[in-house]
C-alpha atoms as a PDB file:
ATOM      1  CA  MET A   1       0.000   0.000   0.000  1.00  0.00           C
ATOM      2  CA  SER A   2       1.337   3.448  -0.901  1.00  0.00           C
ATOM      3  CA  GLN A   3       1.869   6.143   1.735  1.00  0.00           C
ATOM      4  CA  ALA A   4      -0.848   8.276   0.090  1.00  0.00           C
ATOM      5  CA  ALA A   5      -3.321   5.399   0.274  1.00  0.00           C
ATOM      6  CA  ALA A   6      -2.492   4.935   3.962  1.00  0.00           C
ATOM      7  CA  TRP A   7      -3.304   8.532   4.875  1.00  0.00           C
ATOM      8  CA  PRO A   8      -6.688   9.038   6.532  1.00  0.00           C
ATOM      9  CA  ASP A   9      -9.108  11.433   4.838  1.00  0.00           C
ATOM     10  CA  VAL A  10      -9.073  13.608   7.957  1.00  0.00           C
ATOM     11  CA  ILE A  11      -5.675  14.634   9.303  1.00  0.00           C
ATOM     12  CA  ARG A  12      -6.088  16.466  12.591  1.00  0.00           C
ATOM     13  CA  ASP A  13      -2.525  17.502  13.386  1.00  0.00           C
ATOM     14  CA  PHE A  14       0.128  19.049  11.155  1.00  0.00           C
ATOM     15  CA  GLU A  15       3.168  21.292  11.477  1.00  0.00           C
ATOM     16  CA  ARG A  16       2.302  24.973  11.155  1.00  0.00           C
ATOM     17  CA  VAL A  17       4.519  27.826  10.029  1.00  0.00           C
ATOM     18  CA  ASP A  18       6.213  29.481  13.025  1.00  0.00           C
ATOM     19  CA  PRO A  19       3.942  32.077  14.712  1.00  0.00           C
ATOM     20  CA  ALA A  20       6.849  34.552  14.752  1.00  0.00           C
ATOM     21  CA  VAL A  21       7.114  34.226  10.973  1.00  0.00           C
ATOM     22  CA  VAL A  22       3.374  34.829  10.675  1.00  0.00           C
ATOM     23  CA  ASP A  23       3.612  37.984  12.792  1.00  0.00           C
ATOM     24  CA  GLN A  24       6.432  39.369  10.646  1.00  0.00           C
ATOM     25  CA  ALA A  25       4.795  38.378   7.364  1.00  0.00           C
ATOM     26  CA  ALA A  26       1.612  40.188   8.383  1.00  0.00           C
ATOM     27  CA  GLN A  27       3.536  43.476   8.060  1.00  0.00           C
ATOM     28  CA  PHE A  28       4.016  43.030   4.310  1.00  0.00           C
ATOM     29  CA  PRO A  29       1.579  43.371   1.404  1.00  0.00           C
ATOM     30  CA  SER A  30       0.670  40.171  -0.405  1.00  0.00           C
ATOM     31  CA  SER A  31       2.283  41.652  -3.535  1.00  0.00           C
ATOM     32  CA  ILE A  32       5.686  42.057  -1.847  1.00  0.00           C
ATOM     33  CA  LEU A  33       5.638  38.460  -0.644  1.00  0.00           C
ATOM     34  CA  ALA A  34       4.624  37.185  -4.078  1.00  0.00           C
ATOM     35  CA  ASP A  35       7.490  39.130  -5.660  1.00  0.00           C
ATOM     36  CA  VAL A  36      10.191  37.859  -3.309  1.00  0.00           C
ATOM     37  CA  ALA A  37       8.854  34.307  -3.647  1.00  0.00           C
ATOM     38  CA  GLY A  38       9.654  34.417  -7.358  1.00  0.00           C
ATOM     39  CA  ARG A  39       6.370  35.925  -8.544  1.00  0.00           C
ATOM     40  CA  ARG A  40       4.542  32.762  -7.626  1.00  0.00           C
ATOM     41  CA  GLY A  41       2.140  31.713  -4.923  1.00  0.00           C
ATOM     42  CA  ALA A  42      -0.566  34.288  -5.671  1.00  0.00           C
ATOM     43  CA  LEU A  43      -4.021  32.761  -6.028  1.00  0.00           C
ATOM     44  CA  HIS A  44      -6.088  33.494  -9.127  1.00  0.00           C
ATOM     45  CA  GLY A  45      -7.667  36.950  -9.027  1.00  0.00           C
ATOM     46  CA  ARG A  46     -11.172  35.493  -9.020  1.00  0.00           C
ATOM     47  CA  ILE A  47     -10.618  34.754  -5.325  1.00  0.00           C
ATOM     48  CA  ALA A  48     -11.087  38.166  -3.714  1.00  0.00           C
ATOM     49  CA  PRO A  49     -12.007  39.666  -0.342  1.00  0.00           C
ATOM     50  CA  LEU A  50     -15.616  40.633   0.326  1.00  0.00           C
ATOM     51  CA  ALA A  51     -14.257  44.035   1.415  1.00  0.00           C
ATOM     52  CA  PRO A  52     -10.938  45.687   0.484  1.00  0.00           C
ATOM     53  CA  SER A  53     -10.179  46.423   4.148  1.00  0.00           C
ATOM     54  CA  MET A  54      -9.934  42.713   4.951  1.00  0.00           C
ATOM     55  CA  ARG A  55      -6.442  41.362   5.599  1.00  0.00           C
ATOM     56  CA  PHE A  56      -4.896  38.400   7.423  1.00  0.00           C
ATOM     57  CA  ALA A  57      -1.856  36.151   7.871  1.00  0.00           C
ATOM     58  CA  GLY A  58      -1.638  32.639   9.240  1.00  0.00           C
ATOM     59  CA  PRO A  59      -0.965  28.945   8.654  1.00  0.00           C
ATOM     60  CA  ALA A  60      -3.056  27.065   6.098  1.00  0.00           C
ATOM     61  CA  LEU A  61      -5.626  24.507   7.209  1.00  0.00           C
ATOM     62  CA  THR A  62      -6.554  22.822   3.921  1.00  0.00           C
ATOM     63  CA  VAL A  63      -9.944  21.472   2.900  1.00  0.00           C
ATOM     64  CA  GLU A  64     -11.117  19.621  -0.189  1.00  0.00           C
ATOM     65  CA  VAL A  65     -14.864  19.458  -0.839  1.00  0.00           C
ATOM     66  CA  ARG A  66     -17.121  18.257  -3.598  1.00  0.00           C
ATOM     67  CA  PRO A  67     -18.851  21.103  -5.487  1.00  0.00           C
ATOM     68  CA  GLY A  68     -21.726  22.557  -3.474  1.00  0.00           C
ATOM     69  CA  ASP A  69     -21.088  20.528  -0.307  1.00  0.00           C
ATOM     70  CA  ASN A  70     -19.601  22.032   2.886  1.00  0.00           C
ATOM     71  CA  LEU A  71     -19.484  19.025   5.223  1.00  0.00           C
ATOM     72  CA  MET A  72     -15.682  19.083   5.365  1.00  0.00           C
ATOM     73  CA  ILE A  73     -15.596  22.817   6.132  1.00  0.00           C
ATOM     74  CA  HIS A  74     -17.552  22.063   9.290  1.00  0.00           C
ATOM     75  CA  ALA A  75     -14.994  19.338  10.050  1.00  0.00           C
ATOM     76  CA  ALA A  76     -12.187  21.849   9.485  1.00  0.00           C
ATOM     77  CA  MET A  77     -13.751  24.274  11.931  1.00  0.00           C
ATOM     78  CA  ALA A  78     -13.985  21.474  14.492  1.00  0.00           C
ATOM     79  CA  VAL A  79     -10.204  20.902  14.422  1.00  0.00           C
ATOM     80  CA  ALA A  80      -9.017  24.469  13.706  1.00  0.00           C
ATOM     81  CA  LYS A  81      -6.743  26.228  16.156  1.00  0.00           C
ATOM     82  CA  PRO A  82      -6.767  29.990  16.824  1.00  0.00           C
ATOM     83  CA  GLY A  83      -4.917  31.806  14.066  1.00  0.00           C
ATOM     84  CA  ASP A  84      -5.490  29.154  11.387  1.00  0.00           C
ATOM     85  CA  VAL A  85      -6.551  30.175   7.882  1.00  0.00           C
ATOM     86  CA  ILE A  86      -9.055  27.748   6.362  1.00  0.00           C
ATOM     87  CA  LEU A  87      -8.379  27.265   2.642  1.00  0.00           C
ATOM     88  CA  VAL A  88     -11.089  25.446   0.706  1.00  0.00           C
ATOM     89  CA  ASP A  89     -10.701  23.827  -2.701  1.00  0.00           C
ATOM     90  CA  GLY A  90     -14.320  24.275  -3.767  1.00  0.00           C
ATOM     91  CA  LYS A  91     -13.528  23.369  -7.402  1.00  0.00           C
ATOM     92  CA  GLY A  92     -14.450  26.899  -8.466  1.00  0.00           C
ATOM     93  CA  ASP A  93     -18.133  25.996  -8.269  1.00  0.00           C
ATOM     94  CA  LEU A  94     -20.474  28.986  -7.882  1.00  0.00           C
ATOM     95  CA  SER A  95     -23.821  27.153  -7.910  1.00  0.00           C
ATOM     96  CA  ALA A  96     -24.173  27.174  -4.111  1.00  0.00           C
ATOM     97  CA  ALA A  97     -22.634  29.073  -1.214  1.00  0.00           C
ATOM     98  CA  LEU A  98     -20.300  27.018   0.960  1.00  0.00           C
ATOM     99  CA  MET A  99     -20.350  29.484   3.879  1.00  0.00           C
ATOM    100  CA  GLY A 100     -22.435  32.343   5.198  1.00  0.00           C
ATOM    101  CA  GLU A 101     -23.004  34.462   8.286  1.00  0.00           C
ATOM    102  CA  ILE A 102     -23.533  31.637  10.805  1.00  0.00           C
ATOM    103  CA  MET A 103     -20.309  29.824   9.960  1.00  0.00           C
ATOM    104  CA  SER A 104     -18.433  33.134   9.846  1.00  0.00           C
ATOM    105  CA  GLN A 105     -19.658  33.951  13.347  1.00  0.00           C
ATOM    106  CA  GLN A 106     -18.467  30.521  14.454  1.00  0.00           C
ATOM    107  CA  CYS A 107     -15.042  31.172  12.909  1.00  0.00           C
ATOM    108  CA  VAL A 108     -14.728  34.438  14.821  1.00  0.00           C
ATOM    109  CA  ALA A 109     -15.651  32.705  18.075  1.00  0.00           C
ATOM    110  CA  LEU A 110     -13.060  29.980  17.369  1.00  0.00           C
ATOM    111  CA  GLY A 111     -10.303  32.469  16.581  1.00  0.00           C
ATOM    112  CA  VAL A 112      -9.934  31.424  12.938  1.00  0.00           C
ATOM    113  CA  ALA A 113      -7.931  34.139  11.182  1.00  0.00           C
ATOM    114  CA  ALA A 114      -9.647  33.971   7.776  1.00  0.00           C
ATOM    115  CA  VAL A 115     -11.344  31.744   5.224  1.00  0.00           C
ATOM    116  CA  VAL A 116     -10.325  31.493   1.571  1.00  0.00           C
ATOM    117  CA  ILE A 117     -12.714  29.607  -0.729  1.00  0.00           C
ATOM    118  CA  ASP A 118     -12.414  28.743  -4.413  1.00  0.00           C
ATOM    119  CA  GLY A 119     -16.184  28.755  -4.557  1.00  0.00           C
ATOM    120  CA  ALA A 120     -19.167  30.857  -3.521  1.00  0.00           C
ATOM    121  CA  VAL A 121     -20.346  32.321  -0.214  1.00  0.00           C
ATOM    122  CA  ARG A 122     -23.456  34.215   0.861  1.00  0.00           C
ATOM    123  CA  ASP A 123     -24.635  36.724   3.495  1.00  0.00           C
ATOM    124  CA  SER A 124     -21.925  39.038   2.201  1.00  0.00           C
ATOM    125  CA  GLU A 125     -23.290  42.199   3.837  1.00  0.00           C
ATOM    126  CA  ALA A 126     -23.417  40.531   7.246  1.00  0.00           C
ATOM    127  CA  ILE A 127     -19.890  39.150   6.853  1.00  0.00           C
ATOM    128  CA  ARG A 128     -18.591  42.587   5.849  1.00  0.00           C
ATOM    129  CA  GLU A 129     -20.255  44.097   8.900  1.00  0.00           C
ATOM    130  CA  LEU A 130     -18.740  41.373  11.069  1.00  0.00           C
ATOM    131  CA  GLY A 131     -15.317  42.244   9.645  1.00  0.00           C
ATOM    132  CA  PHE A 132     -14.290  38.613   9.298  1.00  0.00           C
ATOM    133  CA  PRO A 133     -11.733  38.173   6.481  1.00  0.00           C
ATOM    134  CA  MET A 134     -13.639  36.127   3.886  1.00  0.00           C
ATOM    135  CA  TYR A 135     -12.181  35.598   0.431  1.00  0.00           C
ATOM    136  CA  ALA A 136     -14.226  33.846  -2.250  1.00  0.00           C
ATOM    137  CA  ALA A 137     -14.620  33.363  -5.985  1.00  0.00           C
ATOM    138  CA  GLY A 138     -18.193  34.660  -6.000  1.00  0.00           C
ATOM    139  CA  LEU A 139     -21.569  34.933  -4.320  1.00  0.00           C
ATOM    140  CA  ASN A 140     -24.717  32.793  -4.488  1.00  0.00           C
ATOM    141  CA  PRO A 141     -27.801  32.736  -2.237  1.00  0.00           C
ATOM    142  CA  ASN A 142     -28.242  28.949  -2.615  1.00  0.00           C
ATOM    143  CA  GLY A 143     -27.277  26.913   0.421  1.00  0.00           C
ATOM    144  CA  PRO A 144     -24.964  23.863   0.317  1.00  0.00           C
ATOM    145  CA  THR A 145     -25.500  20.188   1.003  1.00  0.00           C
ATOM    146  CA  LYS A 146     -23.776  18.503   3.941  1.00  0.00           C
ATOM    147  CA  ALA A 147     -23.554  14.908   2.810  1.00  0.00           C
ATOM    148  CA  VAL A 148     -20.458  14.267   0.691  1.00  0.00           C
ATOM    149  CA  SER A 149     -17.095  13.299   2.107  1.00  0.00           C
ATOM    150  CA  GLY A 150     -13.919  15.168   1.225  1.00  0.00           C
ATOM    151  CA  ARG A 151     -10.439  15.505   2.699  1.00  0.00           C
ATOM    152  CA  LEU A 152      -8.933  17.573   5.465  1.00  0.00           C
ATOM    153  CA  ASN A 153      -5.306  18.696   5.694  1.00  0.00           C
ATOM    154  CA  HIS A 154      -4.103  17.072   2.497  1.00  0.00           C
ATOM    155  CA  PRO A 155      -2.353  19.109  -0.223  1.00  0.00           C
ATOM    156  CA  ILE A 156      -4.926  20.985  -2.295  1.00  0.00           C
ATOM    157  CA  SER A 157      -5.013  23.054  -5.448  1.00  0.00           C
ATOM    158  CA  ILE A 158      -6.748  26.397  -5.003  1.00  0.00           C
ATOM    159  CA  GLY A 159      -6.700  29.299  -7.411  1.00  0.00           C
ATOM    160  CA  GLY A 160      -3.984  27.627  -9.463  1.00  0.00           C
ATOM    161  CA  VAL A 161      -1.638  27.186  -6.483  1.00  0.00           C
ATOM    162  CA  THR A 162      -0.722  24.011  -4.612  1.00  0.00           C
ATOM    163  CA  VAL A 163      -1.093  24.515  -0.856  1.00  0.00           C
ATOM    164  CA  CYS A 164       0.029  22.156   1.885  1.00  0.00           C
ATOM    165  CA  PRO A 165      -1.187  22.227   5.495  1.00  0.00           C
ATOM    166  CA  GLY A 166       0.861  24.661   7.557  1.00  0.00           C
ATOM    167  CA  ASP A 167       1.991  26.851   4.656  1.00  0.00           C
ATOM    168  CA  LEU A 168       2.084  30.616   5.208  1.00  0.00           C
ATOM    169  CA  VAL A 169      -0.962  32.425   3.805  1.00  0.00           C
ATOM    170  CA  VAL A 170      -1.251  36.221   3.597  1.00  0.00           C
ATOM    171  CA  GLY A 171      -4.189  38.179   2.201  1.00  0.00           C
ATOM    172  CA  ASP A 172      -5.154  41.811   1.666  1.00  0.00           C
ATOM    173  CA  ALA A 173      -7.080  43.936  -0.827  1.00  0.00           C
ATOM    174  CA  ASP A 174      -5.004  42.628  -3.741  1.00  0.00           C
ATOM    175  CA  GLY A 175      -5.693  38.960  -3.032  1.00  0.00           C
ATOM    176  CA  VAL A 176      -3.962  35.991  -1.424  1.00  0.00           C
ATOM    177  CA  THR A 177      -0.342  34.796  -1.523  1.00  0.00           C
ATOM    178  CA  VAL A 178       0.851  31.410  -0.276  1.00  0.00           C
ATOM    179  CA  ILE A 179       4.470  30.585   0.591  1.00  0.00           C
ATOM    180  CA  GLU A 180       5.688  27.092   1.452  1.00  0.00           C
ATOM    181  CA  ARG A 181       6.205  26.634   5.181  1.00  0.00           C
ATOM    182  CA  ALA A 182       9.858  25.655   4.784  1.00  0.00           C
ATOM    183  CA  LYS A 183      10.638  28.766   2.718  1.00  0.00           C
ATOM    184  CA  ALA A 184       8.583  31.344   4.616  1.00  0.00           C
ATOM    185  CA  ALA A 185      11.241  32.522   7.093  1.00  0.00           C
ATOM    186  CA  ALA A 186      13.798  33.026   4.315  1.00  0.00           C
ATOM    187  CA  MET A 187      11.409  35.342   2.466  1.00  0.00           C
ATOM    188  CA  LEU A 188      11.183  37.888   5.285  1.00  0.00           C
ATOM    189  CA  PRO A 189      14.593  39.597   4.895  1.00  0.00           C
ATOM    190  CA  LEU A 190      13.989  39.681   1.135  1.00  0.00           C
ATOM    191  CA  ALA A 191      10.665  41.393   1.779  1.00  0.00           C
ATOM    192  CA  VAL A 192      12.401  44.011   3.934  1.00  0.00           C
ATOM    193  CA  GLU A 193      14.850  44.727   1.104  1.00  0.00           C
ATOM    194  CA  LYS A 194      12.049  44.870  -1.463  1.00  0.00           C
ATOM    195  CA  VAL A 195      10.041  47.378   0.571  1.00  0.00           C
ATOM    196  CA  ALA A 196      13.141  49.557   1.054  1.00  0.00           C
ATOM    197  CA  ALA A 197      13.915  49.492  -2.684  1.00  0.00           C
ATOM    198  CA  GLU A 198      10.336  50.398  -3.613  1.00  0.00           C
ATOM    199  CA  THR A 199      10.295  53.187  -1.029  1.00  0.00           C
ATOM    200  CA  ARG A 200      13.454  54.658  -2.566  1.00  0.00           C
ATOM    201  CA  ARG A 201      11.993  54.332  -6.066  1.00  0.00           C
ATOM    202  CA  ILE A 202       8.821  56.176  -5.095  1.00  0.00           C
ATOM    203  CA  ALA A 203      10.863  58.919  -3.407  1.00  0.00           C
ATOM    204  CA  ASP A 204      12.957  59.348  -6.584  1.00  0.00           C
ATOM    205  CA  ILE A 205       9.790  59.640  -8.661  1.00  0.00           C
ATOM    206  CA  LYS A 206       8.241  62.222  -6.360  1.00  0.00           C
ATOM    207  CA  SER A 207      11.450  64.277  -6.287  1.00  0.00           C
ATOM    208  CA  ARG A 208      11.798  63.992 -10.090  1.00  0.00           C
ATOM    209  CA  LYS A 209      15.247  62.488  -9.519  1.00  0.00           C
ATOM    210  CA  ALA A 210      14.433  59.450 -11.636  1.00  0.00           C
ATOM    211  CA  LEU A 211      11.228  59.405 -13.638  1.00  0.00           C
ATOM    212  CA  ARG A 212      11.882  56.074 -15.292  1.00  0.00           C
ATOM    213  CA  PRO A 213      13.457  52.836 -14.034  1.00  0.00           C
ATOM    214  CA  ALA A 214      17.191  52.416 -14.531  1.00  0.00           C
ATOM    215  CA  TRP A 215      16.710  48.971 -16.066  1.00  0.00           C
ATOM    216  CA  LEU A 216      14.365  50.091 -18.875  1.00  0.00           C
ATOM    217  CA  ASP A 217      16.856  50.667 -21.712  1.00  0.00           C
ATOM    218  CA  GLY A 218      18.690  47.419 -20.994  1.00  0.00           C
ATOM    219  CA  ALA A 219      15.465  45.447 -21.013  1.00  0.00           C
ATOM    220  CA  LEU A 220      14.386  47.069 -24.289  1.00  0.00           C
ATOM    221  CA  ARG A 221      17.721  46.192 -25.889  1.00  0.00           C
ATOM    222  CA  ALA A 222      17.503  42.608 -24.663  1.00  0.00           C
ATOM    223  CA  ALA A 223      14.020  42.366 -26.153  1.00  0.00           C
ATOM    224  CA  GLY A 224      15.241  43.768 -29.487  1.00  0.00           C
ATOM    225  CA  VAL A 225      13.108  46.890 -29.259  1.00  0.00           C
ATOM    226  CA  ILE A 226      16.081  49.293 -29.461  1.00  0.00           C
ATOM    227  CA  LYS A 227      19.649  48.790 -30.721  1.00  0.00           C
ATOM    228  CA  ASP A 228      22.879  48.742 -28.721  1.00  0.00           C
ATOM    229  CA  GLY A 229      23.856  52.299 -27.774  1.00  0.00           C
ATOM    230  CA  GLU A 230      20.332  53.545 -28.453  1.00  0.00           C
ATOM    231  CA  THR A 231      18.043  54.973 -25.761  1.00  0.00           C
ATOM    232  CA  LEU A 232      14.487  56.200 -25.639  1.00  0.00           C
END
């Protein structure tokens, strides 16, 4: 029997990204973290916050469901620890909402940091008023079924990104970025450098010191747009 076949459908315990790494990562925009991670790890733009003010950081608790069924999300909430981010591979299905106000209230009471769903949710006005960070691919007033098994804390694919339990997840108005747990700490000093470089660039633009990036001519030459020795 293979190791994968031996795994239970529900895995209760897993190694989470260090809380200190989460706290530091929360200081950076999702875009900065995506850049320093090699411009990868950002979920598809269809998965967006219900309100632009929503933001979060935390370890991934992964859920796989069948389209339109939220049984395993309830299971995820039963094993979640404070600070966890519940990520749901909902197969991109928008025919029924997988979560609404009641489950969001439960998440707040449990200390869940956020929910990210590649699927639909409902009760959006109430969730916005609650202030709970909810990211979804769309809205639908239909309710879900609660009868089909899925998997909990296995690797999932969500928004075009593979996510493993315990990975670092950061979200803000731009969307959601995921960084592998083992690489997360190494990304933080790179994020500091990236923010400093962008801050200098913005200052140079505002002061009129440099109104175009220094790399532009070289990139244009490499692309064959302008000839050697030529500038715009």
